[in-house]
């Protein structure tokens, strides 16, 4: 594997992680901001936020080779090859999906359990759980599900993010 391939893989994995965290943290918060007060500024803000997330995802996932070329990440090394033993590009993507899924699970378990506890406690006491809290509860639950799916289906994710073979491999 060349250093260029490694940087492309790392950028794609970062892009995948950025997409997931944006979809399930940044965008829901912006949508709830828009729902609190629907006006022109809020709608424009939401459209700009979605455009930035889509642009970032597109650049990091589909144009990773151009990012490496633009930032000259593969230059300045003594050797062009990276010796990782029997580790192939596909294995690195699998490992990355596995780690991202694990981080998503670990990051969202406390929030989900807290929201679950407060929702049931509120029902027992007669306290109304607000729509925003229900929304955050659903987002943390969705993050747990997606983290679990990434954690268990890392092979499928690796097939989706398949790296092109170079001439030397």
N, C-alpha and C. Protein backbone atom coordinates (compact mmCIF):
# COMPACT_ATOMS: atom_id res chain seq x y z
N UNK A 1 0.85 -1.17 0.00
CA UNK A 1 0.00 0.00 0.00
C UNK A 1 0.90 1.23 0.00
N UNK A 2 0.54 2.17 -0.83
CA UNK A 2 1.32 3.41 -0.89
C UNK A 2 0.80 4.40 0.15
N UNK A 3 1.61 5.38 0.43
CA UNK A 3 1.20 6.42 1.39
C UNK A 3 -0.01 7.19 0.87
N UNK A 4 -0.06 7.37 -0.44
CA UNK A 4 -1.20 8.05 -1.06
C UNK A 4 -2.49 7.27 -0.78
N UNK A 5 -2.44 5.95 -0.96
CA UNK A 5 -3.62 5.12 -0.69
C UNK A 5 -4.04 5.21 0.77
N UNK A 6 -3.06 5.22 1.66
CA UNK A 6 -3.36 5.32 3.09
C UNK A 6 -4.06 6.64 3.40
N UNK A 7 -3.54 7.74 2.87
CA UNK A 7 -4.17 9.04 3.12
C UNK A 7 -5.57 9.10 2.52
N UNK A 8 -5.76 8.53 1.35
CA UNK A 8 -7.10 8.50 0.75
C UNK A 8 -8.06 7.72 1.63
N UNK A 9 -7.60 6.57 2.15
CA UNK A 9 -8.43 5.77 3.05
C UNK A 9 -8.78 6.55 4.32
N UNK A 10 -7.79 7.19 4.90
CA UNK A 10 -8.04 7.94 6.13
C UNK A 10 -9.01 9.09 5.90
N UNK A 11 -8.88 9.77 4.78
CA UNK A 11 -9.79 10.88 4.47
C UNK A 11 -11.21 10.36 4.26
N UNK A 12 -11.34 9.22 3.58
CA UNK A 12 -12.68 8.64 3.37
C UNK A 12 -13.30 8.20 4.69
N UNK A 13 -12.49 7.61 5.57
CA UNK A 13 -13.02 7.21 6.88
C UNK A 13 -13.42 8.44 7.70
N UNK A 14 -12.61 9.47 7.65
CA UNK A 14 -12.96 10.71 8.34
C UNK A 14 -14.24 11.30 7.74
N UNK A 15 -14.38 11.22 6.42
CA UNK A 15 -15.59 11.71 5.76
C UNK A 15 -16.82 10.93 6.21
N UNK A 16 -16.68 9.61 6.33
CA UNK A 16 -17.80 8.79 6.80
C UNK A 16 -18.18 9.16 8.23
N UNK A 17 -17.18 9.31 9.08
CA UNK A 17 -17.45 9.69 10.47
C UNK A 17 -18.08 11.08 10.54
N UNK A 18 -17.58 12.00 9.73
CA UNK A 18 -18.14 13.36 9.70
C UNK A 18 -19.58 13.35 9.23
N UNK A 19 -19.87 12.55 8.22
CA UNK A 19 -21.25 12.46 7.72
C UNK A 19 -22.18 11.94 8.80
N UNK A 20 -21.77 10.89 9.46
CA UNK A 20 -22.63 10.29 10.48
C UNK A 20 -22.85 11.25 11.64
N UNK A 21 -21.79 11.87 12.11
CA UNK A 21 -21.98 12.81 13.23
C UNK A 21 -22.75 14.04 12.81
N UNK A 22 -22.59 14.46 11.56
CA UNK A 22 -23.34 15.63 11.08
C UNK A 22 -24.82 15.30 10.94
N UNK A 23 -25.11 14.14 10.38
CA UNK A 23 -26.50 13.77 10.17
C UNK A 23 -27.26 13.58 11.47
N UNK A 24 -26.56 13.09 12.49
CA UNK A 24 -27.27 12.73 13.70
C UNK A 24 -26.93 13.60 14.90
N UNK A 25 -26.21 14.67 14.70
CA UNK A 25 -25.95 15.62 15.78
C UNK A 25 -26.14 17.05 15.30
N UNK A 26 -25.40 17.45 14.29
CA UNK A 26 -25.43 18.83 13.81
C UNK A 26 -26.77 19.17 13.15
N UNK A 27 -27.22 18.35 12.22
CA UNK A 27 -28.47 18.65 11.51
C UNK A 27 -29.71 18.58 12.40
N UNK A 28 -29.84 17.57 13.27
CA UNK A 28 -31.03 17.59 14.15
C UNK A 28 -31.09 18.83 15.04
N UNK A 29 -29.95 19.28 15.52
CA UNK A 29 -29.96 20.50 16.34
C UNK A 29 -30.39 21.70 15.52
N UNK A 30 -29.95 21.77 14.27
CA UNK A 30 -30.35 22.88 13.41
C UNK A 30 -31.83 22.79 13.03
N UNK A 31 -32.32 21.59 12.82
CA UNK A 31 -33.74 21.42 12.50
C UNK A 31 -34.59 21.83 13.70
N UNK A 32 -34.17 21.45 14.90
CA UNK A 32 -34.94 21.87 16.08
C UNK A 32 -34.86 23.38 16.27
N UNK A 33 -33.74 24.00 15.89
CA UNK A 33 -33.62 25.46 15.93
C UNK A 33 -34.63 26.10 14.98
N UNK A 34 -34.78 25.54 13.80
CA UNK A 34 -35.73 26.07 12.81
C UNK A 34 -37.16 25.88 13.31
N UNK A 35 -37.44 24.76 13.94
CA UNK A 35 -38.80 24.47 14.39
C UNK A 35 -39.23 25.37 15.55
N UNK A 36 -38.27 25.89 16.31
CA UNK A 36 -38.64 26.78 17.42
C UNK A 36 -39.23 28.08 16.90
N UNK A 37 -38.67 28.59 15.83
CA UNK A 37 -39.17 29.84 15.27
C UNK A 37 -38.95 29.79 13.76
N UNK A 38 -40.02 29.54 13.04
CA UNK A 38 -39.92 29.42 11.59
C UNK A 38 -39.98 30.81 10.97
N UNK A 39 -38.84 31.23 10.44
CA UNK A 39 -38.76 32.49 9.71
C UNK A 39 -37.73 32.33 8.60
N UNK A 40 -37.55 33.36 7.81
CA UNK A 40 -36.65 33.28 6.66
C UNK A 40 -35.21 32.98 7.07
N UNK A 41 -34.73 33.62 8.13
CA UNK A 41 -33.36 33.39 8.58
C UNK A 41 -33.15 31.93 8.97
N UNK A 42 -34.10 31.36 9.69
CA UNK A 42 -33.98 29.97 10.13
C UNK A 42 -33.95 29.01 8.95
N UNK A 43 -34.80 29.26 7.97
CA UNK A 43 -34.84 28.39 6.79
C UNK A 43 -33.54 28.51 5.99
N UNK A 44 -33.05 29.73 5.82
CA UNK A 44 -31.78 29.93 5.11
C UNK A 44 -30.65 29.25 5.87
N UNK A 45 -30.65 29.39 7.19
CA UNK A 45 -29.64 28.74 8.02
C UNK A 45 -29.65 27.24 7.81
N UNK A 46 -30.82 26.62 7.80
CA UNK A 46 -30.94 25.18 7.62
C UNK A 46 -30.44 24.77 6.23
N UNK A 47 -30.80 25.52 5.21
CA UNK A 47 -30.36 25.20 3.84
C UNK A 47 -28.83 25.30 3.74
N UNK A 48 -28.25 26.33 4.34
CA UNK A 48 -26.79 26.48 4.31
C UNK A 48 -26.12 25.33 5.07
N UNK A 49 -26.68 24.96 6.21
CA UNK A 49 -26.11 23.86 7.00
C UNK A 49 -26.15 22.55 6.21
N UNK A 50 -27.26 22.28 5.55
CA UNK A 50 -27.37 21.06 4.74
C UNK A 50 -26.39 21.11 3.57
N UNK A 51 -26.26 22.26 2.93
CA UNK A 51 -25.33 22.40 1.80
C UNK A 51 -23.89 22.17 2.24
N UNK A 52 -23.52 22.69 3.40
CA UNK A 52 -22.16 22.49 3.90
C UNK A 52 -21.90 21.02 4.20
N UNK A 53 -22.85 20.34 4.83
CA UNK A 53 -22.68 18.92 5.14
C UNK A 53 -22.56 18.09 3.87
N UNK A 54 -23.42 18.35 2.89
CA UNK A 54 -23.38 17.61 1.63
C UNK A 54 -22.07 17.88 0.90
N UNK A 55 -21.63 19.13 0.87
CA UNK A 55 -20.37 19.47 0.19
C UNK A 55 -19.18 18.81 0.88
N UNK A 56 -19.16 18.86 2.20
CA UNK A 56 -18.07 18.23 2.94
C UNK A 56 -18.03 16.73 2.69
N UNK A 57 -19.19 16.10 2.75
CA UNK A 57 -19.28 14.66 2.50
C UNK A 57 -18.80 14.33 1.09
N UNK A 58 -19.25 15.09 0.10
CA UNK A 58 -18.88 14.84 -1.29
C UNK A 58 -17.37 14.97 -1.48
N UNK A 59 -16.80 16.01 -0.92
CA UNK A 59 -15.35 16.21 -1.07
C UNK A 59 -14.57 15.11 -0.36
N UNK A 60 -14.93 14.81 0.87
CA UNK A 60 -14.15 13.84 1.64
C UNK A 60 -14.30 12.41 1.15
N UNK A 61 -15.47 12.04 0.67
CA UNK A 61 -15.67 10.65 0.24
C UNK A 61 -15.32 10.46 -1.23
N UNK A 62 -15.84 11.31 -2.08
CA UNK A 62 -15.69 11.08 -3.52
C UNK A 62 -14.50 11.79 -4.15
N UNK A 63 -13.93 12.76 -3.48
CA UNK A 63 -12.79 13.51 -4.03
C UNK A 63 -11.58 13.43 -3.11
N UNK A 64 -11.44 12.34 -2.39
CA UNK A 64 -10.33 12.20 -1.44
C UNK A 64 -8.98 12.25 -2.14
N UNK A 65 -8.89 11.69 -3.35
CA UNK A 65 -7.62 11.73 -4.07
C UNK A 65 -7.22 13.17 -4.42
N UNK A 66 -8.20 14.00 -4.73
CA UNK A 66 -7.91 15.40 -5.04
C UNK A 66 -7.49 16.17 -3.78
N UNK A 67 -8.06 15.80 -2.64
CA UNK A 67 -7.67 16.43 -1.38
C UNK A 67 -6.21 16.09 -1.07
N UNK A 68 -5.84 14.82 -1.27
CA UNK A 68 -4.45 14.41 -1.04
C UNK A 68 -3.52 15.16 -1.97
N UNK A 69 -3.91 15.29 -3.23
CA UNK A 69 -3.08 16.01 -4.21
C UNK A 69 -2.99 17.49 -3.85
N UNK A 70 -4.11 18.11 -3.48
CA UNK A 70 -4.13 19.54 -3.14
C UNK A 70 -3.27 19.86 -1.92
N UNK A 71 -3.39 19.02 -0.89
CA UNK A 71 -2.64 19.25 0.34
C UNK A 71 -1.24 18.65 0.31
N UNK A 72 -0.93 17.94 -0.76
CA UNK A 72 0.39 17.30 -0.95
C UNK A 72 0.74 16.41 0.24
N UNK A 73 -0.22 15.61 0.66
CA UNK A 73 -0.02 14.76 1.83
C UNK A 73 0.92 13.60 1.56
N UNK A 74 1.03 13.18 0.31
CA UNK A 74 1.86 12.02 -0.01
C UNK A 74 3.30 12.39 -0.34
N UNK A 75 3.65 13.63 -0.22
CA UNK A 75 5.01 14.07 -0.55
C UNK A 75 5.83 14.28 0.72
N UNK A 76 7.15 14.17 0.57
CA UNK A 76 8.04 14.43 1.69
C UNK A 76 8.38 13.20 2.51
N UNK A 77 8.07 12.01 2.02
CA UNK A 77 8.40 10.78 2.72
C UNK A 77 9.60 10.14 2.05
N UNK A 78 10.40 9.40 2.82
CA UNK A 78 11.57 8.73 2.26
C UNK A 78 11.16 7.59 1.34
N UNK A 79 10.14 6.86 1.72
CA UNK A 79 9.70 5.69 0.96
C UNK A 79 8.24 5.87 0.59
N UNK A 80 7.87 5.43 -0.61
CA UNK A 80 6.49 5.58 -1.06
C UNK A 80 5.58 4.50 -0.50
N UNK A 81 6.14 3.37 -0.16
CA UNK A 81 5.35 2.23 0.32
C UNK A 81 5.24 2.24 1.83
N UNK A 82 4.12 1.71 2.31
CA UNK A 82 3.93 1.49 3.74
C UNK A 82 3.81 -0.01 3.93
N UNK A 83 4.64 -0.55 4.77
CA UNK A 83 4.60 -1.99 5.04
C UNK A 83 3.69 -2.23 6.23
N UNK A 84 2.56 -2.78 5.96
CA UNK A 84 1.61 -3.10 7.02
C UNK A 84 1.43 -4.60 7.17
N UNK A 85 2.39 -5.35 6.67
CA UNK A 85 2.27 -6.79 6.73
C UNK A 85 1.20 -7.27 5.77
N UNK A 86 0.31 -8.06 6.26
CA UNK A 86 -0.78 -8.59 5.43
C UNK A 86 -2.01 -7.70 5.44
N UNK A 87 -1.92 -6.54 6.04
CA UNK A 87 -3.07 -5.63 6.14
C UNK A 87 -3.30 -4.94 4.80
N UNK A 88 -4.49 -5.11 4.26
CA UNK A 88 -4.85 -4.52 2.97
C UNK A 88 -5.74 -3.29 3.22
N UNK A 89 -5.96 -2.53 2.15
CA UNK A 89 -6.79 -1.33 2.24
C UNK A 89 -8.18 -1.67 2.75
N UNK A 90 -8.73 -2.77 2.28
CA UNK A 90 -10.07 -3.20 2.69
C UNK A 90 -10.10 -3.47 4.20
N UNK A 91 -9.02 -4.04 4.72
CA UNK A 91 -8.95 -4.33 6.16
C UNK A 91 -8.92 -3.04 6.99
N UNK A 92 -8.25 -2.03 6.48
CA UNK A 92 -8.18 -0.75 7.19
C UNK A 92 -9.57 -0.10 7.24
N UNK A 93 -10.30 -0.18 6.12
CA UNK A 93 -11.66 0.38 6.09
C UNK A 93 -12.55 -0.39 7.05
N UNK A 94 -12.42 -1.71 7.09
CA UNK A 94 -13.20 -2.51 8.03
C UNK A 94 -12.90 -2.09 9.47
N UNK A 95 -11.62 -1.94 9.76
CA UNK A 95 -11.23 -1.52 11.11
C UNK A 95 -11.78 -0.13 11.43
N UNK A 96 -11.72 0.78 10.47
CA UNK A 96 -12.25 2.12 10.68
C UNK A 96 -13.75 2.12 10.94
N UNK A 97 -14.51 1.34 10.15
CA UNK A 97 -15.96 1.26 10.35
C UNK A 97 -16.27 0.65 11.72
N UNK A 98 -15.50 -0.35 12.10
CA UNK A 98 -15.67 -0.99 13.40
C UNK A 98 -15.42 0.01 14.53
N UNK A 99 -14.36 0.79 14.42
CA UNK A 99 -14.01 1.78 15.45
C UNK A 99 -15.04 2.91 15.50
N UNK A 100 -15.46 3.41 14.34
CA UNK A 100 -16.46 4.48 14.30
C UNK A 100 -17.77 4.00 14.92
N UNK A 101 -18.19 2.78 14.58
CA UNK A 101 -19.40 2.22 15.18
C UNK A 101 -19.27 2.11 16.69
N UNK A 102 -18.12 1.67 17.15
CA UNK A 102 -17.88 1.56 18.59
C UNK A 102 -17.93 2.91 19.28
N UNK A 103 -17.31 3.92 18.66
CA UNK A 103 -17.36 5.27 19.23
C UNK A 103 -18.79 5.80 19.27
N UNK A 104 -19.55 5.54 18.22
CA UNK A 104 -20.94 6.02 18.22
C UNK A 104 -21.74 5.37 19.34
N UNK A 105 -21.53 4.09 19.54
CA UNK A 105 -22.24 3.39 20.62
C UNK A 105 -21.82 3.97 21.97
N UNK A 106 -20.52 4.08 22.18
CA UNK A 106 -20.04 4.59 23.47
C UNK A 106 -20.45 6.04 23.73
N UNK A 107 -20.49 6.85 22.68
CA UNK A 107 -20.87 8.26 22.85
C UNK A 107 -22.35 8.44 23.14
N UNK A 108 -23.19 7.54 22.67
CA UNK A 108 -24.63 7.75 22.76
C UNK A 108 -25.34 6.91 23.81
N UNK A 109 -24.69 5.92 24.39
CA UNK A 109 -25.33 5.13 25.44
C UNK A 109 -25.71 6.00 26.64
N UNK A 110 -24.82 6.84 27.16
CA UNK A 110 -25.22 7.65 28.33
C UNK A 110 -26.42 8.56 28.06
N UNK A 111 -26.41 9.24 26.91
CA UNK A 111 -27.52 10.14 26.59
C UNK A 111 -28.82 9.37 26.43
N UNK A 112 -28.76 8.24 25.74
CA UNK A 112 -29.98 7.45 25.53
C UNK A 112 -30.52 6.93 26.86
N UNK A 113 -29.65 6.41 27.72
CA UNK A 113 -30.11 5.91 29.01
C UNK A 113 -30.66 7.03 29.89
N UNK A 114 -30.04 8.20 29.84
CA UNK A 114 -30.55 9.34 30.62
C UNK A 114 -31.93 9.76 30.14
N UNK A 115 -32.08 9.87 28.83
CA UNK A 115 -33.39 10.25 28.27
C UNK A 115 -34.45 9.19 28.60
N UNK A 116 -34.06 7.93 28.54
CA UNK A 116 -35.00 6.85 28.86
C UNK A 116 -35.42 6.95 30.33
N UNK A 117 -34.46 7.14 31.21
CA UNK A 117 -34.76 7.26 32.63
C UNK A 117 -35.67 8.46 32.91
N UNK A 118 -35.34 9.61 32.33
CA UNK A 118 -36.15 10.81 32.57
C UNK A 118 -37.54 10.69 31.98
N UNK A 119 -37.67 10.00 30.85
CA UNK A 119 -38.99 9.83 30.24
C UNK A 119 -39.88 8.96 31.12
N UNK A 120 -39.33 7.84 31.61
CA UNK A 120 -40.14 6.97 32.46
C UNK A 120 -40.38 7.59 33.84
N UNK A 121 -39.39 8.27 34.34
CA UNK A 121 -39.56 8.95 35.63
C UNK A 121 -40.61 10.05 35.50
N UNK A 122 -40.59 10.76 34.37
CA UNK A 122 -41.59 11.79 34.14
C UNK A 122 -42.99 11.23 34.05
N UNK A 123 -43.13 10.04 33.45
CA UNK A 123 -44.45 9.40 33.38
C UNK A 123 -44.95 9.02 34.77
N UNK A 124 -44.06 8.55 35.62
CA UNK A 124 -44.47 8.14 36.97
C UNK A 124 -44.86 9.33 37.83
N UNK A 125 -44.15 10.43 37.69
CA UNK A 125 -44.40 11.61 38.50
C UNK A 125 -45.51 12.47 37.90
N UNK A 126 -45.75 12.30 36.61
CA UNK A 126 -46.74 13.11 35.93
C UNK A 126 -46.14 14.31 35.23
N UNK A 127 -44.83 14.31 35.09
CA UNK A 127 -44.12 15.40 34.42
C UNK A 127 -44.13 15.15 32.92
N UNK A 128 -44.47 16.18 32.15
CA UNK A 128 -44.53 16.06 30.69
C UNK A 128 -43.12 16.17 30.11
N UNK A 129 -42.71 15.18 29.36
CA UNK A 129 -41.41 15.18 28.68
C UNK A 129 -41.55 16.04 27.44
N UNK A 130 -40.71 17.07 27.31
CA UNK A 130 -40.87 18.05 26.22
C UNK A 130 -40.57 17.44 24.86
N UNK A 131 -41.07 18.10 23.82
CA UNK A 131 -40.85 17.62 22.45
C UNK A 131 -39.37 17.63 22.10
N UNK A 132 -38.65 18.62 22.56
CA UNK A 132 -37.20 18.69 22.30
C UNK A 132 -36.47 17.52 22.96
N UNK A 133 -36.86 17.19 24.19
CA UNK A 133 -36.24 16.06 24.87
C UNK A 133 -36.56 14.75 24.17
N UNK A 134 -37.80 14.62 23.70
CA UNK A 134 -38.17 13.41 22.94
C UNK A 134 -37.36 13.32 21.65
N UNK A 135 -37.16 14.46 21.00
CA UNK A 135 -36.37 14.50 19.78
C UNK A 135 -34.92 14.08 20.06
N UNK A 136 -34.33 14.62 21.12
CA UNK A 136 -32.95 14.24 21.49
C UNK A 136 -32.86 12.78 21.88
N UNK A 137 -33.90 12.26 22.51
CA UNK A 137 -33.96 10.85 22.87
C UNK A 137 -33.97 10.00 21.60
N UNK A 138 -34.78 10.39 20.62
CA UNK A 138 -34.84 9.66 19.35
C UNK A 138 -33.51 9.74 18.60
N UNK A 139 -32.87 10.89 18.62
CA UNK A 139 -31.58 11.04 17.92
C UNK A 139 -30.52 10.15 18.57
N UNK A 140 -30.47 10.13 19.89
CA UNK A 140 -29.48 9.28 20.55
C UNK A 140 -29.78 7.80 20.31
N UNK A 141 -31.06 7.44 20.25
CA UNK A 141 -31.42 6.06 19.91
C UNK A 141 -31.03 5.70 18.49
N UNK A 142 -31.26 6.63 17.57
CA UNK A 142 -30.88 6.41 16.17
C UNK A 142 -29.36 6.30 16.03
N UNK A 143 -28.63 7.12 16.76
CA UNK A 143 -27.17 7.02 16.75
C UNK A 143 -26.70 5.66 17.27
N UNK A 144 -27.37 5.16 18.29
CA UNK A 144 -27.03 3.83 18.81
C UNK A 144 -27.26 2.76 17.75
N UNK A 145 -28.38 2.85 17.06
CA UNK A 145 -28.70 1.86 16.02
C UNK A 145 -27.67 1.92 14.90
N UNK A 146 -27.35 3.12 14.44
CA UNK A 146 -26.38 3.26 13.35
C UNK A 146 -25.00 2.81 13.81
N UNK A 147 -24.62 3.15 15.03
CA UNK A 147 -23.35 2.67 15.57
C UNK A 147 -23.30 1.16 15.62
N UNK A 148 -24.40 0.55 16.05
CA UNK A 148 -24.48 -0.91 16.10
C UNK A 148 -24.37 -1.51 14.69
N UNK A 149 -25.06 -0.88 13.73
CA UNK A 149 -24.99 -1.39 12.35
C UNK A 149 -23.58 -1.26 11.77
N UNK A 150 -22.91 -0.15 12.04
CA UNK A 150 -21.52 0.00 11.59
C UNK A 150 -20.62 -1.01 12.30
N UNK A 151 -20.86 -1.21 13.56
CA UNK A 151 -20.06 -2.12 14.38
C UNK A 151 -20.19 -3.56 13.90
N UNK A 152 -21.39 -3.94 13.50
CA UNK A 152 -21.62 -5.33 13.10
C UNK A 152 -21.51 -5.57 11.60
N UNK A 153 -21.67 -4.54 10.79
CA UNK A 153 -21.64 -4.70 9.33
C UNK A 153 -20.46 -3.97 8.71
N UNK A 154 -19.32 -4.03 9.36
CA UNK A 154 -18.14 -3.33 8.85
C UNK A 154 -17.69 -3.85 7.49
N UNK A 155 -17.97 -5.11 7.19
CA UNK A 155 -17.60 -5.67 5.88
C UNK A 155 -18.39 -5.00 4.76
N UNK A 156 -19.68 -4.77 4.99
CA UNK A 156 -20.53 -4.10 4.00
C UNK A 156 -20.05 -2.67 3.77
N UNK A 157 -19.68 -1.98 4.84
CA UNK A 157 -19.18 -0.60 4.72
C UNK A 157 -17.88 -0.60 3.91
N UNK A 158 -17.03 -1.58 4.15
CA UNK A 158 -15.76 -1.67 3.40
C UNK A 158 -16.03 -1.88 1.91
N UNK A 159 -17.05 -2.65 1.59
CA UNK A 159 -17.39 -2.85 0.17
C UNK A 159 -17.92 -1.56 -0.45
N UNK A 160 -18.66 -0.76 0.32
CA UNK A 160 -19.17 0.51 -0.18
C UNK A 160 -18.04 1.51 -0.45
N UNK A 161 -17.03 1.49 0.40
CA UNK A 161 -15.92 2.44 0.29
C UNK A 161 -14.70 1.80 -0.35
N UNK A 162 -14.93 0.88 -1.24
CA UNK A 162 -13.85 0.13 -1.87
C UNK A 162 -12.83 1.07 -2.51
N UNK A 163 -11.56 0.81 -2.23
CA UNK A 163 -10.46 1.63 -2.74
C UNK A 163 -9.96 1.03 -4.04
N UNK A 164 -9.70 1.90 -5.02
CA UNK A 164 -9.18 1.45 -6.30
C UNK A 164 -7.77 0.92 -6.13
N UNK A 165 -7.46 -0.17 -6.82
CA UNK A 165 -6.12 -0.75 -6.78
C UNK A 165 -5.16 0.11 -7.58
N UNK A 166 -3.95 0.21 -7.09
CA UNK A 166 -2.92 0.92 -7.85
C UNK A 166 -2.20 -0.07 -8.75
N UNK A 167 -1.35 0.41 -9.64
CA UNK A 167 -0.65 -0.45 -10.58
C UNK A 167 0.30 -1.40 -9.88
N UNK A 168 0.87 -1.01 -8.76
CA UNK A 168 1.87 -1.82 -8.07
C UNK A 168 1.27 -2.92 -7.22
N UNK A 169 -0.02 -2.86 -6.92
CA UNK A 169 -0.61 -3.87 -6.05
C UNK A 169 -1.18 -5.00 -6.86
